Amino acid sequence: MRNLRNGKYRKYEKIILQILLKPPYDIMGTGQIRFVSKIPKSSCYDVLGKLREEGYIDWIGESQDWTSLISITEAGKDYLKNIQDQNL
């Protein structure tokens, strides 16, 4: 898998976690995340997969399924604080 901690992928991580932190989006479908974030489909799934692997999101349902739901974890909230401090 690509190094998702650099460049646009790191920016995409920040965007996705910020969306999940704001009501009413605290839990939403993968399709909704892609629509709201305006991130390209393949990039969105790459980033969601990495966030899930790192424990920053909970993925309810099958991965790569538009109807599965995503929520941010406490670890994800901490990670978002760290990357916001870095002014990405």
PDB file of N, CA and C in Angstrom:
ATOM      1  N   MET A   1       0.843  -1.186   0.000  1.00  0.00           N
ATOM      2  CA  MET A   1       0.000   0.000   0.000  1.00  0.00           C
ATOM      3  C   MET A   1       0.886   1.247   0.000  1.00  0.00           C
ATOM      4  N   ARG A   2       0.402   2.265  -0.628  1.00  0.00           N
ATOM      5  CA  ARG A   2       1.151   3.517  -0.704  1.00  0.00           C
ATOM      6  C   ARG A   2       1.340   4.138   0.673  1.00  0.00           C
ATOM      7  N   ASN A   3       2.347   4.991   0.761  1.00  0.00           N
ATOM      8  CA  ASN A   3       2.553   5.733   2.006  1.00  0.00           C
ATOM      9  C   ASN A   3       1.499   6.838   2.060  1.00  0.00           C
ATOM     10  N   LEU A   4       0.501   6.654   2.870  1.00  0.00           N
ATOM     11  CA  LEU A   4      -0.632   7.570   2.908  1.00  0.00           C
ATOM     12  C   LEU A   4      -0.436   8.731   3.875  1.00  0.00           C
ATOM     13  N   ARG A   5       0.734   8.886   4.423  1.00  0.00           N
ATOM     14  CA  ARG A   5       0.956   9.932   5.397  1.00  0.00           C
ATOM     15  C   ARG A   5       1.529  11.203   4.773  1.00  0.00           C
ATOM     16  N   ASN A   6       1.713  11.215   3.466  1.00  0.00           N
ATOM     17  CA  ASN A   6       2.311  12.361   2.815  1.00  0.00           C
ATOM     18  C   ASN A   6       1.363  12.961   1.787  1.00  0.00           C
ATOM     19  N   GLY A   7       1.578  14.227   1.476  1.00  0.00           N
ATOM     20  CA  GLY A   7       0.863  14.882   0.392  1.00  0.00           C
ATOM     21  C   GLY A   7      -0.632  14.881   0.523  1.00  0.00           C
ATOM     22  N   LYS A   8      -1.276  14.657  -0.631  1.00  0.00           N
ATOM     23  CA  LYS A   8      -2.732  14.771  -0.687  1.00  0.00           C
ATOM     24  C   LYS A   8      -3.430  13.747   0.193  1.00  0.00           C
ATOM     25  N   TYR A   9      -2.845  12.561   0.378  1.00  0.00           N
ATOM     26  CA  TYR A   9      -3.504  11.556   1.198  1.00  0.00           C
ATOM     27  C   TYR A   9      -3.593  11.981   2.656  1.00  0.00           C
ATOM     28  N   ARG A  10      -2.589  12.642   3.126  1.00  0.00           N
ATOM     29  CA  ARG A  10      -2.642  13.154   4.502  1.00  0.00           C
ATOM     30  C   ARG A  10      -3.726  14.232   4.608  1.00  0.00           C
ATOM     31  N   LYS A  11      -3.820  15.058   3.587  1.00  0.00           N
ATOM     32  CA  LYS A  11      -4.875  16.074   3.544  1.00  0.00           C
ATOM     33  C   LYS A  11      -6.252  15.401   3.518  1.00  0.00           C
ATOM     34  N   TYR A  12      -6.383  14.318   2.749  1.00  0.00           N
ATOM     35  CA  TYR A  12      -7.645  13.591   2.679  1.00  0.00           C
ATOM     36  C   TYR A  12      -8.009  12.981   4.032  1.00  0.00           C
ATOM     37  N   GLU A  13      -7.021  12.458   4.745  1.00  0.00           N
ATOM     38  CA  GLU A  13      -7.279  11.924   6.086  1.00  0.00           C
ATOM     39  C   GLU A  13      -7.893  13.004   6.967  1.00  0.00           C
ATOM     40  N   LYS A  14      -7.289  14.160   6.937  1.00  0.00           N
ATOM     41  CA  LYS A  14      -7.758  15.283   7.753  1.00  0.00           C
ATOM     42  C   LYS A  14      -9.187  15.660   7.377  1.00  0.00           C
ATOM     43  N   ILE A  15      -9.467  15.752   6.089  1.00  0.00           N
ATOM     44  CA  ILE A  15     -10.812  16.113   5.629  1.00  0.00           C
ATOM     45  C   ILE A  15     -11.840  15.097   6.117  1.00  0.00           C
ATOM     46  N   ILE A  16     -11.543  13.816   5.938  1.00  0.00           N
ATOM     47  CA  ILE A  16     -12.494  12.768   6.339  1.00  0.00           C
ATOM     48  C   ILE A  16     -12.733  12.789   7.844  1.00  0.00           C
ATOM     49  N   LEU A  17     -11.683  12.889   8.627  1.00  0.00           N
ATOM     50  CA  LEU A  17     -11.847  12.900  10.086  1.00  0.00           C
ATOM     51  C   LEU A  17     -12.593  14.149  10.555  1.00  0.00           C
ATOM     52  N   GLN A  18     -12.352  15.283   9.908  1.00  0.00           N
ATOM     53  CA  GLN A  18     -13.085  16.507  10.268  1.00  0.00           C
ATOM     54  C   GLN A  18     -14.572  16.347   9.986  1.00  0.00           C
ATOM     55  N   ILE A  19     -14.905  15.731   8.865  1.00  0.00           N
ATOM     56  CA  ILE A  19     -16.313  15.495   8.526  1.00  0.00           C
ATOM     57  C   ILE A  19     -16.969  14.611   9.578  1.00  0.00           C
ATOM     58  N   LEU A  20     -16.282  13.535   9.959  1.00  0.00           N
ATOM     59  CA  LEU A  20     -16.854  12.591  10.924  1.00  0.00           C
ATOM     60  C   LEU A  20     -16.966  13.172  12.329  1.00  0.00           C
ATOM     61  N   LEU A  21     -16.257  14.229  12.589  1.00  0.00           N
ATOM     62  CA  LEU A  21     -16.290  14.840  13.916  1.00  0.00           C
ATOM     63  C   LEU A  21     -17.469  15.793  14.091  1.00  0.00           C
ATOM     64  N   LYS A  22     -18.044  16.250  12.977  1.00  0.00           N
ATOM     65  CA  LYS A  22     -19.111  17.251  13.031  1.00  0.00           C
ATOM     66  C   LYS A  22     -20.491  16.607  12.953  1.00  0.00           C
ATOM     67  N   PRO A  23     -21.374  16.958  13.881  1.00  0.00           N
ATOM     68  CA  PRO A  23     -22.758  16.501  13.754  1.00  0.00           C
ATOM     69  C   PRO A  23     -23.377  17.118  12.501  1.00  0.00           C
ATOM     70  N   PRO A  24     -24.237  16.500  11.796  1.00  0.00           N
ATOM     71  CA  PRO A  24     -24.823  15.181  12.040  1.00  0.00           C
ATOM     72  C   PRO A  24     -24.031  14.052  11.416  1.00  0.00           C
ATOM     73  N   TYR A  25     -22.783  14.286  11.060  1.00  0.00           N
ATOM     74  CA  TYR A  25     -21.991  13.307  10.314  1.00  0.00           C
ATOM     75  C   TYR A  25     -21.189  12.361  11.189  1.00  0.00           C
ATOM     76  N   ASP A  26     -21.466  12.266  12.479  1.00  0.00           N
ATOM     77  CA  ASP A  26     -20.643  11.443  13.365  1.00  0.00           C
ATOM     78  C   ASP A  26     -20.625   9.972  12.948  1.00  0.00           C
ATOM     79  N   ILE A  27     -21.619   9.536  12.194  1.00  0.00           N
ATOM     80  CA  ILE A  27     -21.615   8.209  11.579  1.00  0.00           C
ATOM     81  C   ILE A  27     -22.288   8.375  10.221  1.00  0.00           C
ATOM     82  N   MET A  28     -21.582   7.908   9.196  1.00  0.00           N
ATOM     83  CA  MET A  28     -22.139   8.081   7.856  1.00  0.00           C
ATOM     84  C   MET A  28     -21.627   7.001   6.916  1.00  0.00           C
ATOM     85  N   GLY A  29     -22.324   6.861   5.801  1.00  0.00           N
ATOM     86  CA  GLY A  29     -21.947   5.875   4.809  1.00  0.00           C
ATOM     87  C   GLY A  29     -20.723   6.303   4.015  1.00  0.00           C
ATOM     88  N   THR A  30     -20.055   5.318   3.452  1.00  0.00           N
ATOM     89  CA  THR A  30     -18.863   5.624   2.673  1.00  0.00           C
ATOM     90  C   THR A  30     -19.189   6.490   1.460  1.00  0.00           C
ATOM     91  N   GLY A  31     -20.322   6.250   0.839  1.00  0.00           N
ATOM     92  CA  GLY A  31     -20.742   7.076  -0.292  1.00  0.00           C
ATOM     93  C   GLY A  31     -20.969   8.524   0.118  1.00  0.00           C
ATOM     94  N   GLN A  32     -21.558   8.722   1.291  1.00  0.00           N
ATOM     95  CA  GLN A  32     -21.769  10.078   1.806  1.00  0.00           C
ATOM     96  C   GLN A  32     -20.432  10.766   2.071  1.00  0.00           C
ATOM     97  N   ILE A  33     -19.497  10.031   2.633  1.00  0.00           N
ATOM     98  CA  ILE A  33     -18.182  10.603   2.915  1.00  0.00           C
ATOM     99  C   ILE A  33     -17.547  11.079   1.617  1.00  0.00           C
ATOM    100  N   ARG A  34     -17.603  10.236   0.606  1.00  0.00           N
ATOM    101  CA  ARG A  34     -17.009  10.598  -0.678  1.00  0.00           C
ATOM    102  C   ARG A  34     -17.708  11.812  -1.279  1.00  0.00           C
ATOM    103  N   PHE A  35     -19.031  11.867  -1.179  1.00  0.00           N
ATOM    104  CA  PHE A  35     -19.791  12.987  -1.724  1.00  0.00           C
ATOM    105  C   PHE A  35     -19.467  14.287  -0.992  1.00  0.00           C
ATOM    106  N   VAL A  36     -19.484  14.255   0.324  1.00  0.00           N
ATOM    107  CA  VAL A  36     -19.239  15.456   1.129  1.00  0.00           C
ATOM    108  C   VAL A  36     -17.788  15.922   1.000  1.00  0.00           C
ATOM    109  N   SER A  37     -16.862  14.979   0.972  1.00  0.00           N
ATOM    110  CA  SER A  37     -15.438  15.331   0.948  1.00  0.00           C
ATOM    111  C   SER A  37     -14.936  15.705  -0.444  1.00  0.00           C
ATOM    112  N   LYS A  38     -15.643  15.237  -1.475  1.00  0.00           N
ATOM    113  CA  LYS A  38     -15.237  15.465  -2.866  1.00  0.00           C
ATOM    114  C   LYS A  38     -13.888  14.809  -3.194  1.00  0.00           C
ATOM    115  N   ILE A  39     -13.561  13.748  -2.480  1.00  0.00           N
ATOM    116  CA  ILE A  39     -12.328  12.995  -2.714  1.00  0.00           C
ATOM    117  C   ILE A  39     -12.617  11.942  -3.788  1.00  0.00           C
ATOM    118  N   PRO A  40     -11.707  11.765  -4.767  1.00  0.00           N
ATOM    119  CA  PRO A  40     -11.911  10.721  -5.788  1.00  0.00           C
ATOM    120  C   PRO A  40     -12.125   9.350  -5.143  1.00  0.00           C
ATOM    121  N   LYS A  41     -12.938   8.525  -5.803  1.00  0.00           N
ATOM    122  CA  LYS A  41     -13.357   7.232  -5.251  1.00  0.00           C
ATOM    123  C   LYS A  41     -12.182   6.361  -4.804  1.00  0.00           C
ATOM    124  N   SER A  42     -11.216   6.115  -5.670  1.00  0.00           N
ATOM    125  CA  SER A  42     -10.116   5.221  -5.304  1.00  0.00           C
ATOM    126  C   SER A  42      -9.285   5.792  -4.167  1.00  0.00           C
ATOM    127  N   SER A  43      -9.045   7.091  -4.193  1.00  0.00           N
ATOM    128  CA  SER A  43      -8.286   7.734  -3.114  1.00  0.00           C
ATOM    129  C   SER A  43      -9.052   7.657  -1.807  1.00  0.00           C
ATOM    130  N   CYS A  44     -10.355   7.847  -1.871  1.00  0.00           N
ATOM    131  CA  CYS A  44     -11.192   7.812  -0.672  1.00  0.00           C
ATOM    132  C   CYS A  44     -11.109   6.434  -0.013  1.00  0.00           C
ATOM    133  N   TYR A  45     -11.229   5.373  -0.802  1.00  0.00           N
ATOM    134  CA  TYR A  45     -11.147   4.028  -0.236  1.00  0.00           C
ATOM    135  C   TYR A  45      -9.750   3.712   0.282  1.00  0.00           C
ATOM    136  N   ASP A  46      -8.709   4.199  -0.407  1.00  0.00           N
ATOM    137  CA  ASP A  46      -7.342   4.011   0.099  1.00  0.00           C
ATOM    138  C   ASP A  46      -7.200   4.637   1.480  1.00  0.00           C
ATOM    139  N   VAL A  47      -7.666   5.870   1.606  1.00  0.00           N
ATOM    140  CA  VAL A  47      -7.530   6.601   2.863  1.00  0.00           C
ATOM    141  C   VAL A  47      -8.396   5.967   3.946  1.00  0.00           C
ATOM    142  N   LEU A  48      -9.633   5.613   3.621  1.00  0.00           N
ATOM    143  CA  LEU A  48     -10.499   4.962   4.609  1.00  0.00           C
ATOM    144  C   LEU A  48      -9.893   3.647   5.089  1.00  0.00           C
ATOM    145  N   GLY A  49      -9.318   2.887   4.172  1.00  0.00           N
ATOM    146  CA  GLY A  49      -8.678   1.630   4.551  1.00  0.00           C
ATOM    147  C   GLY A  49      -7.520   1.852   5.507  1.00  0.00           C
ATOM    148  N   LYS A  50      -6.716   2.860   5.237  1.00  0.00           N
ATOM    149  CA  LYS A  50      -5.575   3.159   6.107  1.00  0.00           C
ATOM    150  C   LYS A  50      -6.059   3.670   7.472  1.00  0.00           C
ATOM    151  N   LEU A  51      -7.062   4.525   7.472  1.00  0.00           N
ATOM    152  CA  LEU A  51      -7.608   5.022   8.740  1.00  0.00           C
ATOM    153  C   LEU A  51      -8.172   3.874   9.569  1.00  0.00           C
ATOM    154  N   ARG A  52      -8.808   2.922   8.905  1.00  0.00           N
ATOM    155  CA  ARG A  52      -9.347   1.745   9.609  1.00  0.00           C
ATOM    156  C   ARG A  52      -8.206   0.892  10.160  1.00  0.00           C
ATOM    157  N   GLU A  53      -7.199   0.667   9.334  1.00  0.00           N
ATOM    158  CA  GLU A  53      -6.042  -0.134   9.738  1.00  0.00           C
ATOM    159  C   GLU A  53      -5.342   0.461  10.957  1.00  0.00           C
ATOM    160  N   GLU A  54      -5.282   1.781  11.027  1.00  0.00           N
ATOM    161  CA  GLU A  54      -4.625   2.470  12.130  1.00  0.00           C
ATOM    162  C   GLU A  54      -5.528   2.608  13.366  1.00  0.00           C
ATOM    163  N   GLY A  55      -6.805   2.236  13.237  1.00  0.00           N
ATOM    164  CA  GLY A  55      -7.733   2.313  14.362  1.00  0.00           C
ATOM    165  C   GLY A  55      -8.352   3.689  14.556  1.00  0.00           C
ATOM    166  N   TYR A  56      -8.289   4.546  13.520  1.00  0.00           N
ATOM    167  CA  TYR A  56      -8.821   5.901  13.627  1.00  0.00           C
ATOM    168  C   TYR A  56     -10.300   5.990  13.273  1.00  0.00           C
ATOM    169  N   ILE A  57     -10.814   4.972  12.593  1.00  0.00           N
ATOM    170  CA  ILE A  57     -12.241   4.898  12.290  1.00  0.00           C
ATOM    171  C   ILE A  57     -12.736   3.491  12.568  1.00  0.00           C
ATOM    172  N   ASP A  58     -14.040   3.384  12.826  1.00  0.00           N
ATOM    173  CA  ASP A  58     -14.726   2.097  12.891  1.00  0.00           C
ATOM    174  C   ASP A  58     -15.502   1.950  11.597  1.00  0.00           C
ATOM    175  N   TRP A  59     -15.388   0.802  10.973  1.00  0.00           N
ATOM    176  CA  TRP A  59     -16.054   0.530   9.703  1.00  0.00           C
ATOM    177  C   TRP A  59     -17.087  -0.544   9.970  1.00  0.00           C
ATOM    178  N   ILE A  60     -18.350  -0.196   9.900  1.00  0.00           N
ATOM    179  CA  ILE A  60     -19.444  -1.114  10.193  1.00  0.00           C
ATOM    180  C   ILE A  60     -19.999  -1.628   8.866  1.00  0.00           C
ATOM    181  N   GLY A  61     -19.824  -2.891   8.612  1.00  0.00           N
ATOM    182  CA  GLY A  61     -20.251  -3.480   7.344  1.00  0.00           C
ATOM    183  C   GLY A  61     -19.046  -3.895   6.527  1.00  0.00           C
ATOM    184  N   GLU A  62     -19.310  -4.274   5.307  1.00  0.00           N
ATOM    185  CA  GLU A  62     -18.252  -4.737   4.414  1.00  0.00           C
ATOM    186  C   GLU A  62     -17.456  -3.557   3.868  1.00  0.00           C
ATOM    187  N   SER A  63     -16.129  -3.689   3.864  1.00  0.00           N
ATOM    188  CA  SER A  63     -15.323  -2.641   3.251  1.00  0.00           C
ATOM    189  C   SER A  63     -15.604  -2.630   1.750  1.00  0.00           C
ATOM    190  N   GLN A  64     -15.447  -1.483   1.149  1.00  0.00           N
ATOM    191  CA  GLN A  64     -15.722  -1.258  -0.274  1.00  0.00           C
ATOM    192  C   GLN A  64     -17.209  -1.348  -0.606  1.00  0.00           C
ATOM    193  N   ASP A  65     -18.064  -1.242   0.391  1.00  0.00           N
ATOM    194  CA  ASP A  65     -19.508  -1.284   0.186  1.00  0.00           C
ATOM    195  C   ASP A  65     -20.074   0.104   0.471  1.00  0.00           C
ATOM    196  N   TRP A  66     -20.814   0.650  -0.488  1.00  0.00           N
ATOM    197  CA  TRP A  66     -21.360   2.002  -0.343  1.00  0.00           C
ATOM    198  C   TRP A  66     -22.320   2.130   0.834  1.00  0.00           C
ATOM    199  N   THR A  67     -22.876   1.018   1.300  1.00  0.00           N
ATOM    200  CA  THR A  67     -23.851   1.091   2.388  1.00  0.00           C
ATOM    201  C   THR A  67     -23.225   0.903   3.764  1.00  0.00           C
ATOM    202  N   SER A  68     -21.941   0.596   3.817  1.00  0.00           N
ATOM    203  CA  SER A  68     -21.306   0.435   5.125  1.00  0.00           C
ATOM    204  C   SER A  68     -21.168   1.796   5.802  1.00  0.00           C
ATOM    205  N   LEU A  69     -21.088   1.771   7.113  1.00  0.00           N
ATOM    206  CA  LEU A  69     -21.051   3.002   7.895  1.00  0.00           C
ATOM    207  C   LEU A  69     -19.681   3.197   8.529  1.00  0.00           C
ATOM    208  N   ILE A  70     -19.295   4.455   8.676  1.00  0.00           N
ATOM    209  CA  ILE A  70     -18.002   4.822   9.233  1.00  0.00           C
ATOM    210  C   ILE A  70     -18.236   5.773  10.403  1.00  0.00           C
ATOM    211  N   SER A  71     -17.465   5.589  11.472  1.00  0.00           N
ATOM    212  CA  SER A  71     -17.477   6.542  12.584  1.00  0.00           C
ATOM    213  C   SER A  71     -16.043   6.753  13.048  1.00  0.00           C
ATOM    214  N   ILE A  72     -15.789   7.885  13.659  1.00  0.00           N
ATOM    215  CA  ILE A  72     -14.449   8.207  14.150  1.00  0.00           C
ATOM    216  C   ILE A  72     -14.271   7.622  15.548  1.00  0.00           C
ATOM    217  N   THR A  73     -13.085   7.131  15.844  1.00  0.00           N
ATOM    218  CA  THR A  73     -12.775   6.588  17.165  1.00  0.00           C
ATOM    219  C   THR A  73     -12.070   7.659  18.002  1.00  0.00           C
ATOM    220  N   GLU A  74     -11.868   7.358  19.271  1.00  0.00           N
ATOM    221  CA  GLU A  74     -11.119   8.291  20.128  1.00  0.00           C
ATOM    222  C   GLU A  74      -9.693   8.461  19.618  1.00  0.00           C
ATOM    223  N   ALA A  75      -9.098   7.371  19.135  1.00  0.00           N
ATOM    224  CA  ALA A  75      -7.752   7.460  18.556  1.00  0.00           C
ATOM    225  C   ALA A  75      -7.766   8.374  17.331  1.00  0.00           C
ATOM    226  N   GLY A  76      -8.836   8.303  16.555  1.00  0.00           N
ATOM    227  CA  GLY A  76      -8.975   9.172  15.385  1.00  0.00           C
ATOM    228  C   GLY A  76      -9.091  10.628  15.772  1.00  0.00           C
ATOM    229  N   LYS A  77      -9.805  10.899  16.856  1.00  0.00           N
ATOM    230  CA  LYS A  77      -9.929  12.277  17.342  1.00  0.00           C
ATOM    231  C   LYS A  77      -8.570  12.813  17.786  1.00  0.00           C
ATOM    232  N   ASP A  78      -7.801  11.977  18.466  1.00  0.00           N
ATOM    233  CA  ASP A  78      -6.457  12.384  18.892  1.00  0.00           C
ATOM    234  C   ASP A  78      -5.552  12.617  17.687  1.00  0.00           C
ATOM    235  N   TYR A  79      -5.619  11.724  16.709  1.00  0.00           N
ATOM    236  CA  TYR A  79      -4.805  11.870  15.507  1.00  0.00           C
ATOM    237  C   TYR A  79      -5.164  13.161  14.768  1.00  0.00           C
ATOM    238  N   LEU A  80      -6.460  13.462  14.686  1.00  0.00           N
ATOM    239  CA  LEU A  80      -6.898  14.695  14.016  1.00  0.00           C
ATOM    240  C   LEU A  80      -6.335  15.918  14.721  1.00  0.00           C
ATOM    241  N   LYS A  81      -6.351  15.914  16.050  1.00  0.00           N
ATOM    242  CA  LYS A  81      -5.763  17.037  16.794  1.00  0.00           C
ATOM    243  C   LYS A  81      -4.292  17.210  16.440  1.00  0.00           C
ATOM    244  N   ASN A  82      -3.571  16.098  16.337  1.00  0.00           N
ATOM    245  CA  ASN A  82      -2.146  16.151  16.008  1.00  0.00           C
ATOM    246  C   ASN A  82      -1.904  16.706  14.613  1.00  0.00           C
ATOM    247  N   ILE A  83      -2.663  16.273  13.629  1.00  0.00           N
ATOM    248  CA  ILE A  83      -2.423  16.764  12.280  1.00  0.00           C
ATOM    249  C   ILE A  83      -2.943  18.180  12.084  1.00  0.00           C
ATOM    250  N   GLN A  84      -3.937  18.585  12.870  1.00  0.00           N
ATOM    251  CA  GLN A  84      -4.381  19.979  12.804  1.00  0.00           C
ATOM    252  C   GLN A  84      -3.312  20.894  13.374  1.00  0.00           C
ATOM    253  N   ASP A  85      -2.616  20.443  14.394  1.00  0.00           N
ATOM    254  CA  ASP A  85      -1.526  21.232  14.977  1.00  0.00           C
ATOM    255  C   ASP A  85      -0.383  21.432  14.000  1.00  0.00           C
ATOM    256  N   GLN A  86      -0.275  20.539  13.019  1.00  0.00           N
ATOM    257  CA  GLN A  86       0.778  20.630  12.024  1.00  0.00           C
ATOM    258  C   GLN A  86       0.400  21.527  10.851  1.00  0.00           C
ATOM    259  N   ASN A  87      -0.809  22.113  10.903  1.00  0.00           N
ATOM    260  CA  ASN A  87      -1.308  23.037   9.871  1.00  0.00           C
ATOM    261  C   ASN A  87      -1.271  22.450   8.472  1.00  0.00           C
ATOM    262  N   LEU A  88      -1.840  21.262   8.305  1.00  0.00           N
ATOM    263  CA  LEU A  88      -1.901  20.643   6.985  1.00  0.00           C
ATOM    264  C   LEU A  88      -3.063  21.185   6.202  1.00  0.00           C
TER     265      LEU A  88
END
